[in-house]
Structures are given as structure tokens and as C-alpha cells.
């Protein structure tokens, strides 16, 4: 349930820092290392946002 809960939050666009706090991770690195692989499209979304800023 814990992994699914975090995955759903991240998929809905919740900030990793909020998820980190909900899960009680001491470091944001733990959250990102554990869950970022689930959403490779977020990398493209981030790149697109940065492109728009530039």
C-alpha cells in the first residue's frame, strides 16, 4: 500500500517534497531514488518546461 500510495501521489503531480514528508523519508534522495523510475515521462515534461522558459 505504501508504494502504491506514493506512486499515485507522484503520478497526480504532487511535489516529491510533499511525498517525502508523508512517507517520513529523512532525505529527498530516498524518495526520488525509490519512485522516479515509475514515471520516465516526467523527465520529458521537465525538459519541455525548461524549454518553454528559455
PDB file of N, CA and C in Angstrom:
ATOM      1  N   UNK A   1       0.815  -1.192   0.000  1.00  0.00           N
ATOM      2  CA  UNK A   1       0.000   0.000   0.000  1.00  0.00           C
ATOM      3  C   UNK A   1       0.862   1.261   0.000  1.00  0.00           C
ATOM      4  N   UNK A   2       1.952   1.244   0.716  1.00  0.00           N
ATOM      5  CA  UNK A   2       2.823   2.415   0.827  1.00  0.00           C
ATOM      6  C   UNK A   2       3.371   2.830  -0.539  1.00  0.00           C
ATOM      7  N   UNK A   3       3.876   1.852  -1.286  1.00  0.00           N
ATOM      8  CA  UNK A   3       4.455   2.136  -2.602  1.00  0.00           C
ATOM      9  C   UNK A   3       3.374   2.649  -3.558  1.00  0.00           C
ATOM     10  N   UNK A   4       2.219   2.031  -3.533  1.00  0.00           N
ATOM     11  CA  UNK A   4       1.112   2.463  -4.395  1.00  0.00           C
ATOM     12  C   UNK A   4       0.666   3.876  -4.045  1.00  0.00           C
ATOM     13  N   UNK A   5       0.574   4.156  -2.768  1.00  0.00           N
ATOM     14  CA  UNK A   5       0.164   5.481  -2.301  1.00  0.00           C
ATOM     15  C   UNK A   5       1.118   6.550  -2.832  1.00  0.00           C
ATOM     16  N   UNK A   6       2.405   6.342  -2.652  1.00  0.00           N
ATOM     17  CA  UNK A   6       3.406   7.306  -3.127  1.00  0.00           C
ATOM     18  C   UNK A   6       3.373   7.416  -4.645  1.00  0.00           C
ATOM     19  N   UNK A   7       3.241   6.303  -5.319  1.00  0.00           N
ATOM     20  CA  UNK A   7       3.208   6.304  -6.783  1.00  0.00           C
ATOM     21  C   UNK A   7       2.022   7.097  -7.312  1.00  0.00           C
ATOM     22  N   UNK A   8       0.868   6.913  -6.704  1.00  0.00           N
ATOM     23  CA  UNK A   8      -0.324   7.649  -7.129  1.00  0.00           C
ATOM     24  C   UNK A   8      -0.162   9.149  -6.902  1.00  0.00           C
ATOM     25  N   UNK A   9       0.401   9.527  -5.764  1.00  0.00           N
ATOM     26  CA  UNK A   9       0.621  10.951  -5.486  1.00  0.00           C
ATOM     27  C   UNK A   9       1.548  11.572  -6.525  1.00  0.00           C
ATOM     28  N   UNK A  10       2.642  10.897  -6.801  1.00  0.00           N
ATOM     29  CA  UNK A  10       3.613  11.419  -7.770  1.00  0.00           C
ATOM     30  C   UNK A  10       2.982  11.493  -9.151  1.00  0.00           C
ATOM     31  N   UNK A  11       2.225  10.469  -9.517  1.00  0.00           N
ATOM     32  CA  UNK A  11       1.576  10.447 -10.825  1.00  0.00           C
ATOM     33  C   UNK A  11       0.567  11.585 -10.978  1.00  0.00           C
ATOM     34  N   UNK A  12      -0.040  11.997  -9.876  1.00  0.00           N
ATOM     35  CA  UNK A  12      -1.004  13.096  -9.900  1.00  0.00           C
ATOM     36  C   UNK A  12      -0.320  14.461  -9.868  1.00  0.00           C
ATOM     37  N   UNK A  13       1.017  14.448  -9.859  1.00  0.00           N
ATOM     38  CA  UNK A  13       1.753  15.703  -9.921  1.00  0.00           C
ATOM     39  C   UNK A  13       2.140  16.281  -8.574  1.00  0.00           C
ATOM     40  N   UNK A  14       1.938  15.517  -7.515  1.00  0.00           N
ATOM     41  CA  UNK A  14       2.313  16.024  -6.197  1.00  0.00           C
ATOM     42  C   UNK A  14       3.826  16.201  -6.126  1.00  0.00           C
ATOM     43  N   UNK A  15       4.252  17.199  -5.440  1.00  0.00           N
ATOM     44  CA  UNK A  15       5.667  17.502  -5.293  1.00  0.00           C
ATOM     45  C   UNK A  15       6.371  16.385  -4.520  1.00  0.00           C
ATOM     46  N   UNK A  16       7.584  16.046  -4.952  1.00  0.00           N
ATOM     47  CA  UNK A  16       8.353  15.000  -4.278  1.00  0.00           C
ATOM     48  C   UNK A  16       8.607  15.337  -2.816  1.00  0.00           C
ATOM     49  N   UNK A  17       8.743  16.616  -2.481  1.00  0.00           N
ATOM     50  CA  UNK A  17       8.972  17.001  -1.083  1.00  0.00           C
ATOM     51  C   UNK A  17       7.761  16.681  -0.211  1.00  0.00           C
ATOM     52  N   UNK A  18       6.573  16.856  -0.757  1.00  0.00           N
ATOM     53  CA  UNK A  18       5.357  16.518  -0.020  1.00  0.00           C
ATOM     54  C   UNK A  18       5.295  15.007   0.194  1.00  0.00           C
ATOM     55  N   UNK A  19       5.593  14.246  -0.845  1.00  0.00           N
ATOM     56  CA  UNK A  19       5.598  12.783  -0.740  1.00  0.00           C
ATOM     57  C   UNK A  19       6.651  12.339   0.275  1.00  0.00           C
ATOM     58  N   UNK A  20       7.816  12.949   0.227  1.00  0.00           N
ATOM     59  CA  UNK A  20       8.899  12.652   1.183  1.00  0.00           C
ATOM     60  C   UNK A  20       8.404  12.802   2.618  1.00  0.00           C
ATOM     61  N   UNK A  21       7.738  13.915   2.886  1.00  0.00           N
ATOM     62  CA  UNK A  21       7.238  14.171   4.237  1.00  0.00           C
ATOM     63  C   UNK A  21       6.166  13.162   4.637  1.00  0.00           C
ATOM     64  N   UNK A  22       5.265  12.842   3.716  1.00  0.00           N
ATOM     65  CA  UNK A  22       4.199  11.871   4.024  1.00  0.00           C
ATOM     66  C   UNK A  22       4.768  10.508   4.361  1.00  0.00           C
ATOM     67  N   UNK A  23       5.834  10.137   3.649  1.00  0.00           N
ATOM     68  CA  UNK A  23       6.423   8.816   3.858  1.00  0.00           C
ATOM     69  C   UNK A  23       7.407   8.785   5.018  1.00  0.00           C
ATOM     70  N   UNK A  24       7.825   9.963   5.473  1.00  0.00           N
ATOM     71  CA  UNK A  24       8.771  10.022   6.583  1.00  0.00           C
ATOM     72  C   UNK A  24      10.204   9.759   6.178  1.00  0.00           C
ATOM     73  N   UNK A  25      10.515   9.939   4.902  1.00  0.00           N
ATOM     74  CA  UNK A  25      11.893   9.762   4.455  1.00  0.00           C
ATOM     75  C   UNK A  25      12.758  10.871   5.035  1.00  0.00           C
ATOM     76  N   UNK A  26      13.948  10.523   5.468  1.00  0.00           N
ATOM     77  CA  UNK A  26      14.878  11.511   6.021  1.00  0.00           C
ATOM     78  C   UNK A  26      15.462  12.384   4.921  1.00  0.00           C
ATOM     79  N   UNK A  27      15.553  11.836   3.721  1.00  0.00           N
ATOM     80  CA  UNK A  27      16.191  12.545   2.617  1.00  0.00           C
ATOM     81  C   UNK A  27      15.322  12.471   1.365  1.00  0.00           C
ATOM     82  N   UNK A  28      15.282  13.569   0.622  1.00  0.00           N
ATOM     83  CA  UNK A  28      14.554  13.587  -0.649  1.00  0.00           C
ATOM     84  C   UNK A  28      15.171  12.596  -1.629  1.00  0.00           C
ATOM     85  N   UNK A  29      16.446  12.336  -1.466  1.00  0.00           N
ATOM     86  CA  UNK A  29      17.137  11.378  -2.331  1.00  0.00           C
ATOM     87  C   UNK A  29      16.491  10.001  -2.245  1.00  0.00           C
ATOM     88  N   UNK A  30      16.097   9.597  -1.057  1.00  0.00           N
ATOM     89  CA  UNK A  30      15.437   8.300  -0.883  1.00  0.00           C
ATOM     90  C   UNK A  30      14.146   8.249  -1.690  1.00  0.00           C
ATOM     91  N   UNK A  31      13.370   9.308  -1.599  1.00  0.00           N
ATOM     92  CA  UNK A  31      12.095   9.364  -2.322  1.00  0.00           C
ATOM     93  C   UNK A  31      12.321   9.314  -3.828  1.00  0.00           C
ATOM     94  N   UNK A  32      13.217  10.137  -4.303  1.00  0.00           N
ATOM     95  CA  UNK A  32      13.480  10.193  -5.743  1.00  0.00           C
ATOM     96  C   UNK A  32      14.069   8.884  -6.243  1.00  0.00           C
ATOM     97  N   UNK A  33      15.033   8.336  -5.518  1.00  0.00           N
ATOM     98  CA  UNK A  33      15.645   7.073  -5.943  1.00  0.00           C
ATOM     99  C   UNK A  33      14.627   5.938  -5.982  1.00  0.00           C
ATOM    100  N   UNK A  34      13.674   5.955  -5.073  1.00  0.00           N
ATOM    101  CA  UNK A  34      12.699   4.870  -4.984  1.00  0.00           C
ATOM    102  C   UNK A  34      11.581   4.982  -6.014  1.00  0.00           C
ATOM    103  N   UNK A  35      11.143   6.195  -6.323  1.00  0.00           N
ATOM    104  CA  UNK A  35       9.932   6.360  -7.114  1.00  0.00           C
ATOM    105  C   UNK A  35      10.104   6.984  -8.487  1.00  0.00           C
ATOM    106  N   UNK A  36      11.200   7.621  -8.765  1.00  0.00           N
ATOM    107  CA  UNK A  36      11.322   8.348 -10.036  1.00  0.00           C
ATOM    108  C   UNK A  36      11.296   7.436 -11.260  1.00  0.00           C
ATOM    109  N   UNK A  37      11.728   6.198 -11.121  1.00  0.00           N
ATOM    110  CA  UNK A  37      11.738   5.280 -12.268  1.00  0.00           C
ATOM    111  C   UNK A  37      10.332   4.950 -12.770  1.00  0.00           C
ATOM    112  N   UNK A  38       9.331   5.186 -11.939  1.00  0.00           N
ATOM    113  CA  UNK A  38       7.963   4.845 -12.320  1.00  0.00           C
ATOM    114  C   UNK A  38       7.391   5.776 -13.376  1.00  0.00           C
ATOM    115  N   UNK A  39       7.981   6.968 -13.488  1.00  0.00           N
ATOM    116  CA  UNK A  39       7.410   7.980 -14.359  1.00  0.00           C
ATOM    117  C   UNK A  39       8.464   8.619 -15.243  1.00  0.00           C
ATOM    118  N   UNK A  40       8.980   7.856 -16.204  1.00  0.00           N
ATOM    119  CA  UNK A  40      10.008   8.426 -17.084  1.00  0.00           C
ATOM    120  C   UNK A  40       9.492   9.607 -17.895  1.00  0.00           C
ATOM    121  N   UNK A  41       8.188   9.695 -18.101  1.00  0.00           N
ATOM    122  CA  UNK A  41       7.645  10.822 -18.864  1.00  0.00           C
ATOM    123  C   UNK A  41       7.832  12.142 -18.120  1.00  0.00           C
ATOM    124  N   UNK A  42       8.008  12.088 -16.818  1.00  0.00           N
ATOM    125  CA  UNK A  42       8.245  13.310 -16.045  1.00  0.00           C
ATOM    126  C   UNK A  42       9.543  13.976 -16.484  1.00  0.00           C
ATOM    127  N   UNK A  43      10.517  13.192 -16.927  1.00  0.00           N
ATOM    128  CA  UNK A  43      11.768  13.771 -17.421  1.00  0.00           C
ATOM    129  C   UNK A  43      11.496  14.599 -18.667  1.00  0.00           C
ATOM    130  N   UNK A  44      10.654  14.074 -19.553  1.00  0.00           N
ATOM    131  CA  UNK A  44      10.310  14.823 -20.766  1.00  0.00           C
ATOM    132  C   UNK A  44       9.501  16.065 -20.408  1.00  0.00           C
ATOM    133  N   UNK A  45       8.570  15.928 -19.482  1.00  0.00           N
ATOM    134  CA  UNK A  45       7.775  17.081 -19.054  1.00  0.00           C
ATOM    135  C   UNK A  45       8.672  18.182 -18.500  1.00  0.00           C
ATOM    136  N   UNK A  46       9.639  17.798 -17.704  1.00  0.00           N
ATOM    137  CA  UNK A  46      10.569  18.770 -17.139  1.00  0.00           C
ATOM    138  C   UNK A  46      11.383  19.438 -18.234  1.00  0.00           C
ATOM    139  N   UNK A  47      11.868  18.656 -19.173  1.00  0.00           N
ATOM    140  CA  UNK A  47      12.649  19.212 -20.278  1.00  0.00           C
ATOM    141  C   UNK A  47      11.799  20.189 -21.093  1.00  0.00           C
ATOM    142  N   UNK A  48      10.538  19.846 -21.318  1.00  0.00           N
ATOM    143  CA  UNK A  48       9.631  20.735 -22.052  1.00  0.00           C
ATOM    144  C   UNK A  48       9.403  22.041 -21.295  1.00  0.00           C
ATOM    145  N   UNK A  49       9.234  21.960 -19.993  1.00  0.00           N
ATOM    146  CA  UNK A  49       9.039  23.164 -19.183  1.00  0.00           C
ATOM    147  C   UNK A  49      10.270  24.062 -19.238  1.00  0.00           C
ATOM    148  N   UNK A  50      11.441  23.440 -19.145  1.00  0.00           N
ATOM    149  CA  UNK A  50      12.675  24.221 -19.217  1.00  0.00           C
ATOM    150  C   UNK A  50      12.823  24.864 -20.586  1.00  0.00           C
ATOM    151  N   UNK A  51      12.457  24.123 -21.626  1.00  0.00           N
ATOM    152  CA  UNK A  51      12.482  24.674 -22.987  1.00  0.00           C
ATOM    153  C   UNK A  51      11.595  25.912 -23.092  1.00  0.00           C
ATOM    154  N   UNK A  52      10.410  25.825 -22.513  1.00  0.00           N
ATOM    155  CA  UNK A  52       9.475  26.950 -22.548  1.00  0.00           C
ATOM    156  C   UNK A  52      10.039  28.171 -21.824  1.00  0.00           C
ATOM    157  N   UNK A  53      10.775  27.940 -20.757  1.00  0.00           N
ATOM    158  CA  UNK A  53      11.363  29.051 -20.007  1.00  0.00           C
ATOM    159  C   UNK A  53      12.475  29.739 -20.781  1.00  0.00           C
ATOM    160  N   UNK A  54      13.177  28.959 -21.587  1.00  0.00           N
ATOM    161  CA  UNK A  54      14.292  29.512 -22.348  1.00  0.00           C
ATOM    162  C   UNK A  54      13.794  30.047 -23.662  1.00  0.00           C
TER     163      UNK A  54
END
